[in-house]
């Protein structure tokens, strides 16, 4: 009977440790900025998108929805747009625990 009590106690301690480590894991937060004013994005001029305002993230996946959709990986990416118009910029960040995403429509000027 005493062994059973020790076994149940050990399971309870393991469950507590696992619960605390799950609660202490931080969820990622996706956020991005550009190296130029968002109102100053022009055709043919490179723009760097940076995830420097993101937190608790390990991996970065970018999608740019425009005339020719494109994908990139990394903390920062440099993109040159060749057509004027609206571009939906999507960023997905992740760590070992979960993911976070954000998107924003930017206007590329001629």
N, C-alpha and C. Protein backbone atom coordinates (compact mmCIF):
# COMPACT_ATOMS: atom_id res chain seq x y z
N UNK A 1 0.83 -1.18 0.00
CA UNK A 1 0.00 0.00 0.00
C UNK A 1 0.87 1.25 0.00
N UNK A 2 1.98 1.21 0.74
CA UNK A 2 2.88 2.37 0.80
C UNK A 2 3.51 2.62 -0.57
N UNK A 3 3.84 1.54 -1.31
CA UNK A 3 4.41 1.70 -2.65
C UNK A 3 3.41 2.35 -3.58
N UNK A 4 2.14 1.97 -3.45
CA UNK A 4 1.11 2.56 -4.28
C UNK A 4 1.00 4.05 -4.00
N UNK A 5 1.09 4.44 -2.74
CA UNK A 5 1.04 5.86 -2.37
C UNK A 5 2.22 6.62 -2.94
N UNK A 6 3.42 6.04 -2.90
CA UNK A 6 4.60 6.68 -3.48
C UNK A 6 4.46 6.81 -4.99
N UNK A 7 3.92 5.78 -5.63
CA UNK A 7 3.73 5.79 -7.08
C UNK A 7 2.75 6.90 -7.47
N UNK A 8 1.64 7.01 -6.76
CA UNK A 8 0.65 8.05 -7.04
C UNK A 8 1.25 9.43 -6.76
N UNK A 9 2.04 9.54 -5.72
CA UNK A 9 2.71 10.82 -5.42
C UNK A 9 3.67 11.21 -6.53
N UNK A 10 4.42 10.23 -7.04
CA UNK A 10 5.37 10.51 -8.12
C UNK A 10 4.63 10.95 -9.38
N UNK A 11 3.52 10.32 -9.68
CA UNK A 11 2.72 10.71 -10.85
C UNK A 11 2.18 12.12 -10.66
N UNK A 12 1.73 12.45 -9.47
CA UNK A 12 1.21 13.79 -9.21
C UNK A 12 2.30 14.85 -9.38
N UNK A 13 3.51 14.56 -8.93
CA UNK A 13 4.62 15.50 -9.08
C UNK A 13 4.97 15.67 -10.56
N UNK A 14 5.01 14.56 -11.31
CA UNK A 14 5.32 14.66 -12.74
C UNK A 14 4.25 15.46 -13.47
N UNK A 15 2.99 15.26 -13.11
CA UNK A 15 1.90 16.01 -13.75
C UNK A 15 2.04 17.50 -13.43
N UNK A 16 2.41 17.83 -12.22
CA UNK A 16 2.60 19.22 -11.83
C UNK A 16 3.75 19.85 -12.60
N UNK A 17 4.84 19.15 -12.73
CA UNK A 17 6.01 19.66 -13.48
C UNK A 17 5.64 19.88 -14.94
N UNK A 18 4.96 18.91 -15.54
CA UNK A 18 4.56 19.06 -16.94
C UNK A 18 3.59 20.22 -17.13
N UNK A 19 2.66 20.39 -16.22
CA UNK A 19 1.71 21.49 -16.30
C UNK A 19 2.43 22.82 -16.18
N UNK A 20 3.36 22.94 -15.25
CA UNK A 20 4.09 24.18 -15.08
C UNK A 20 4.95 24.50 -16.29
N UNK A 21 5.60 23.49 -16.88
CA UNK A 21 6.44 23.76 -18.04
C UNK A 21 5.58 24.17 -19.22
N UNK A 22 4.39 23.60 -19.36
CA UNK A 22 3.49 23.99 -20.44
C UNK A 22 2.99 25.41 -20.23
N UNK A 23 2.71 25.78 -18.97
CA UNK A 23 2.25 27.14 -18.68
C UNK A 23 3.36 28.16 -18.86
N UNK A 24 4.60 27.75 -18.62
CA UNK A 24 5.72 28.67 -18.73
C UNK A 24 6.20 28.83 -20.17
N UNK A 25 5.77 27.94 -21.07
CA UNK A 25 6.19 28.08 -22.46
C UNK A 25 5.53 29.31 -23.05
N UNK A 26 6.30 30.07 -23.79
CA UNK A 26 5.79 31.33 -24.31
C UNK A 26 5.34 31.15 -25.75
N UNK A 27 4.19 31.68 -26.03
CA UNK A 27 3.64 31.62 -27.38
C UNK A 27 4.33 32.67 -28.24
N UNK A 28 4.54 32.37 -29.51
CA UNK A 28 5.14 33.37 -30.39
C UNK A 28 4.15 34.50 -30.69
N UNK A 29 4.68 35.62 -31.07
CA UNK A 29 3.88 36.77 -31.49
C UNK A 29 4.48 37.28 -32.80
N UNK A 30 3.68 37.31 -33.86
CA UNK A 30 4.16 37.74 -35.18
C UNK A 30 3.89 39.22 -35.39
N UNK A 31 4.93 39.90 -35.87
CA UNK A 31 4.84 41.34 -36.13
C UNK A 31 5.97 41.68 -37.09
N UNK A 32 5.75 42.63 -38.01
CA UNK A 32 6.84 43.02 -38.91
C UNK A 32 6.82 44.52 -39.19
N UNK A 33 7.96 44.99 -39.65
CA UNK A 33 8.15 46.39 -40.05
C UNK A 33 8.95 46.40 -41.35
N UNK A 34 8.99 47.56 -41.97
CA UNK A 34 9.80 47.71 -43.18
C UNK A 34 10.91 48.72 -42.91
N UNK A 35 11.95 48.67 -43.76
CA UNK A 35 13.06 49.60 -43.59
C UNK A 35 12.77 50.98 -44.19
N UNK A 36 11.63 51.12 -44.83
CA UNK A 36 11.18 52.41 -45.37
C UNK A 36 9.78 52.68 -44.86
N UNK A 37 9.36 53.92 -44.94
CA UNK A 37 8.00 54.28 -44.57
C UNK A 37 7.04 53.49 -45.47
N UNK A 38 6.02 52.85 -44.90
CA UNK A 38 5.09 52.07 -45.72
C UNK A 38 4.43 52.88 -46.84
N UNK A 39 4.37 54.20 -46.71
CA UNK A 39 3.81 55.05 -47.77
C UNK A 39 4.85 55.37 -48.84
N UNK A 40 6.06 54.85 -48.70
CA UNK A 40 7.15 55.13 -49.64
C UNK A 40 7.67 53.86 -50.32
N UNK A 41 6.76 52.95 -50.66
CA UNK A 41 7.15 51.72 -51.34
C UNK A 41 6.82 51.89 -52.81
N UNK A 42 7.87 51.80 -53.65
CA UNK A 42 7.74 52.06 -55.08
C UNK A 42 8.20 50.86 -55.90
N UNK A 43 7.64 50.77 -57.11
CA UNK A 43 8.05 49.75 -58.07
C UNK A 43 9.55 49.87 -58.32
N UNK A 44 10.25 48.73 -58.31
CA UNK A 44 11.67 48.69 -58.63
C UNK A 44 12.61 49.05 -57.50
N UNK A 45 12.09 49.45 -56.36
CA UNK A 45 12.94 49.80 -55.20
C UNK A 45 12.87 48.68 -54.17
N UNK A 46 14.01 48.10 -53.78
CA UNK A 46 13.99 47.02 -52.78
C UNK A 46 13.46 47.50 -51.43
N UNK A 47 12.70 46.64 -50.78
CA UNK A 47 12.15 46.91 -49.46
C UNK A 47 12.52 45.73 -48.57
N UNK A 48 13.05 46.01 -47.39
CA UNK A 48 13.37 44.94 -46.45
C UNK A 48 12.26 44.86 -45.41
N UNK A 49 11.72 43.66 -45.25
CA UNK A 49 10.71 43.36 -44.24
C UNK A 49 11.40 42.63 -43.10
N UNK A 50 11.21 43.14 -41.88
CA UNK A 50 11.90 42.59 -40.71
C UNK A 50 10.90 42.18 -39.64
N UNK A 51 11.15 41.05 -39.03
CA UNK A 51 10.28 40.56 -37.95
C UNK A 51 10.83 40.97 -36.59
N UNK A 52 11.48 42.14 -36.53
CA UNK A 52 12.15 42.56 -35.29
C UNK A 52 11.18 42.94 -34.17
N UNK A 53 9.91 43.08 -34.45
CA UNK A 53 8.95 43.34 -33.38
C UNK A 53 8.24 42.05 -32.96
N UNK A 54 8.56 40.93 -33.61
CA UNK A 54 8.02 39.63 -33.20
C UNK A 54 8.71 39.17 -31.92
N UNK A 55 8.08 38.27 -31.21
CA UNK A 55 8.70 37.75 -29.99
C UNK A 55 8.45 36.25 -29.86
N UNK A 56 9.35 35.60 -29.13
CA UNK A 56 9.26 34.17 -28.84
C UNK A 56 9.14 33.33 -30.10
N UNK A 57 9.77 33.78 -31.17
CA UNK A 57 9.68 33.09 -32.46
C UNK A 57 11.04 32.51 -32.85
N UNK A 58 10.99 31.38 -33.53
CA UNK A 58 12.20 30.71 -33.97
C UNK A 58 12.26 30.62 -35.49
N UNK A 59 11.12 30.40 -36.12
CA UNK A 59 11.05 30.26 -37.57
C UNK A 59 10.13 31.32 -38.15
N UNK A 60 10.47 31.77 -39.37
CA UNK A 60 9.73 32.86 -40.01
C UNK A 60 9.42 32.47 -41.45
N UNK A 61 8.14 32.56 -41.83
CA UNK A 61 7.69 32.22 -43.17
C UNK A 61 6.89 33.41 -43.71
N UNK A 62 7.29 33.91 -44.85
CA UNK A 62 6.68 35.09 -45.46
C UNK A 62 5.98 34.71 -46.76
N UNK A 63 4.84 35.34 -47.02
CA UNK A 63 4.17 35.22 -48.32
C UNK A 63 3.78 36.62 -48.77
N UNK A 64 3.99 36.87 -50.05
CA UNK A 64 3.63 38.15 -50.66
C UNK A 64 2.65 37.84 -51.78
N UNK A 65 1.39 38.26 -51.60
CA UNK A 65 0.35 37.99 -52.59
C UNK A 65 0.21 39.21 -53.49
N UNK A 66 0.63 39.05 -54.73
CA UNK A 66 0.53 40.11 -55.72
C UNK A 66 0.34 39.45 -57.08
N UNK A 67 0.80 40.09 -58.14
CA UNK A 67 0.65 39.50 -59.47
C UNK A 67 1.36 38.15 -59.56
N UNK A 68 2.54 38.07 -58.99
CA UNK A 68 3.29 36.82 -58.95
C UNK A 68 3.59 36.52 -57.49
N UNK A 69 2.80 35.61 -56.88
CA UNK A 69 2.96 35.31 -55.46
C UNK A 69 4.35 34.75 -55.20
N UNK A 70 4.89 35.07 -54.02
CA UNK A 70 6.21 34.59 -53.66
C UNK A 70 6.28 34.27 -52.18
N UNK A 71 7.20 33.37 -51.83
CA UNK A 71 7.41 32.98 -50.44
C UNK A 71 8.88 33.11 -50.09
N UNK A 72 9.14 33.41 -48.82
CA UNK A 72 10.50 33.57 -48.32
C UNK A 72 10.56 32.99 -46.91
N UNK A 73 11.77 32.70 -46.46
CA UNK A 73 12.00 32.23 -45.11
C UNK A 73 13.09 33.07 -44.48
N UNK A 74 12.96 33.38 -43.20
CA UNK A 74 14.00 34.10 -42.49
C UNK A 74 13.46 35.27 -41.68
N UNK A 75 14.30 35.72 -40.78
CA UNK A 75 13.97 36.82 -39.87
C UNK A 75 13.69 38.11 -40.64
N UNK A 76 14.46 38.35 -41.71
CA UNK A 76 14.21 39.51 -42.57
C UNK A 76 14.37 39.08 -44.03
N UNK A 77 13.60 39.72 -44.89
CA UNK A 77 13.65 39.43 -46.32
C UNK A 77 13.62 40.74 -47.09
N UNK A 78 14.30 40.76 -48.23
CA UNK A 78 14.29 41.94 -49.09
C UNK A 78 13.56 41.58 -50.37
N UNK A 79 12.57 42.41 -50.71
CA UNK A 79 11.70 42.14 -51.85
C UNK A 79 11.67 43.37 -52.74
N UNK A 80 11.68 43.15 -54.06
CA UNK A 80 11.49 44.22 -55.02
C UNK A 80 10.19 43.94 -55.76
N UNK A 81 9.30 44.91 -55.78
CA UNK A 81 8.03 44.76 -56.46
C UNK A 81 8.14 45.35 -57.86
N UNK A 82 7.54 44.68 -58.84
CA UNK A 82 7.67 45.11 -60.23
C UNK A 82 6.35 45.59 -60.82
N UNK A 83 5.29 45.59 -60.04
CA UNK A 83 3.99 46.07 -60.48
C UNK A 83 3.40 46.96 -59.39
N UNK A 84 2.75 48.06 -59.76
CA UNK A 84 2.07 48.87 -58.75
C UNK A 84 0.79 48.17 -58.30
N UNK A 85 0.31 48.54 -57.12
CA UNK A 85 -0.95 48.00 -56.62
C UNK A 85 -0.84 47.50 -55.20
N UNK A 86 -1.89 46.86 -54.76
CA UNK A 86 -1.96 46.33 -53.40
C UNK A 86 -1.26 44.97 -53.32
N UNK A 87 -0.48 44.78 -52.25
CA UNK A 87 0.20 43.52 -51.98
C UNK A 87 -0.16 43.12 -50.55
N UNK A 88 -0.66 41.91 -50.39
CA UNK A 88 -0.93 41.38 -49.06
C UNK A 88 0.33 40.69 -48.57
N UNK A 89 0.89 41.21 -47.47
CA UNK A 89 2.10 40.63 -46.87
C UNK A 89 1.65 39.79 -45.67
N UNK A 90 2.04 38.53 -45.67
CA UNK A 90 1.66 37.59 -44.63
C UNK A 90 2.92 37.06 -43.96
N UNK A 91 2.95 37.05 -42.64
CA UNK A 91 4.07 36.50 -41.87
C UNK A 91 3.53 35.48 -40.89
N UNK A 92 4.14 34.28 -40.91
CA UNK A 92 3.83 33.23 -39.96
C UNK A 92 5.10 32.96 -39.17
N UNK A 93 5.02 33.06 -37.85
CA UNK A 93 6.16 32.74 -37.00
C UNK A 93 5.81 31.51 -36.15
N UNK A 94 6.84 30.79 -35.74
CA UNK A 94 6.58 29.62 -34.92
C UNK A 94 7.76 29.37 -33.99
N UNK A 95 7.48 28.60 -32.96
CA UNK A 95 8.51 28.06 -32.10
C UNK A 95 8.13 26.60 -31.87
N UNK A 96 8.73 25.96 -30.91
CA UNK A 96 8.44 24.54 -30.69
C UNK A 96 7.03 24.30 -30.17
N UNK A 97 6.37 25.34 -29.68
CA UNK A 97 5.07 25.16 -29.04
C UNK A 97 3.87 25.52 -29.91
N UNK A 98 3.98 26.58 -30.72
CA UNK A 98 2.82 27.02 -31.47
C UNK A 98 3.23 28.01 -32.56
N UNK A 99 2.23 28.60 -33.20
CA UNK A 99 2.46 29.55 -34.28
C UNK A 99 1.68 30.84 -34.03
N UNK A 100 2.06 31.87 -34.77
CA UNK A 100 1.35 33.14 -34.75
C UNK A 100 1.47 33.74 -36.14
N UNK A 101 0.47 34.47 -36.57
CA UNK A 101 0.55 35.08 -37.89
C UNK A 101 -0.03 36.48 -37.89
N UNK A 102 0.37 37.23 -38.89
CA UNK A 102 -0.15 38.57 -39.09
C UNK A 102 -0.10 38.86 -40.58
N UNK A 103 -0.93 39.77 -41.03
CA UNK A 103 -0.88 40.19 -42.43
C UNK A 103 -1.24 41.67 -42.53
N UNK A 104 -0.78 42.26 -43.60
CA UNK A 104 -1.03 43.67 -43.83
C UNK A 104 -1.01 43.92 -45.34
N UNK A 105 -1.90 44.77 -45.80
CA UNK A 105 -1.91 45.14 -47.21
C UNK A 105 -1.10 46.41 -47.36
N UNK A 106 -0.11 46.36 -48.26
CA UNK A 106 0.70 47.54 -48.55
C UNK A 106 0.41 47.99 -49.97
N UNK A 107 0.61 49.25 -50.24
CA UNK A 107 0.38 49.78 -51.57
C UNK A 107 1.72 50.10 -52.21
N UNK A 108 1.97 49.48 -53.36
CA UNK A 108 3.17 49.72 -54.13
C UNK A 108 2.83 50.80 -55.15
N UNK A 109 3.61 51.88 -55.11
CA UNK A 109 3.35 53.02 -56.00
C UNK A 109 4.19 52.90 -57.27
N UNK A 110 3.68 53.48 -58.38
CA UNK A 110 4.44 53.41 -59.65
C UNK A 110 5.77 54.15 -59.59
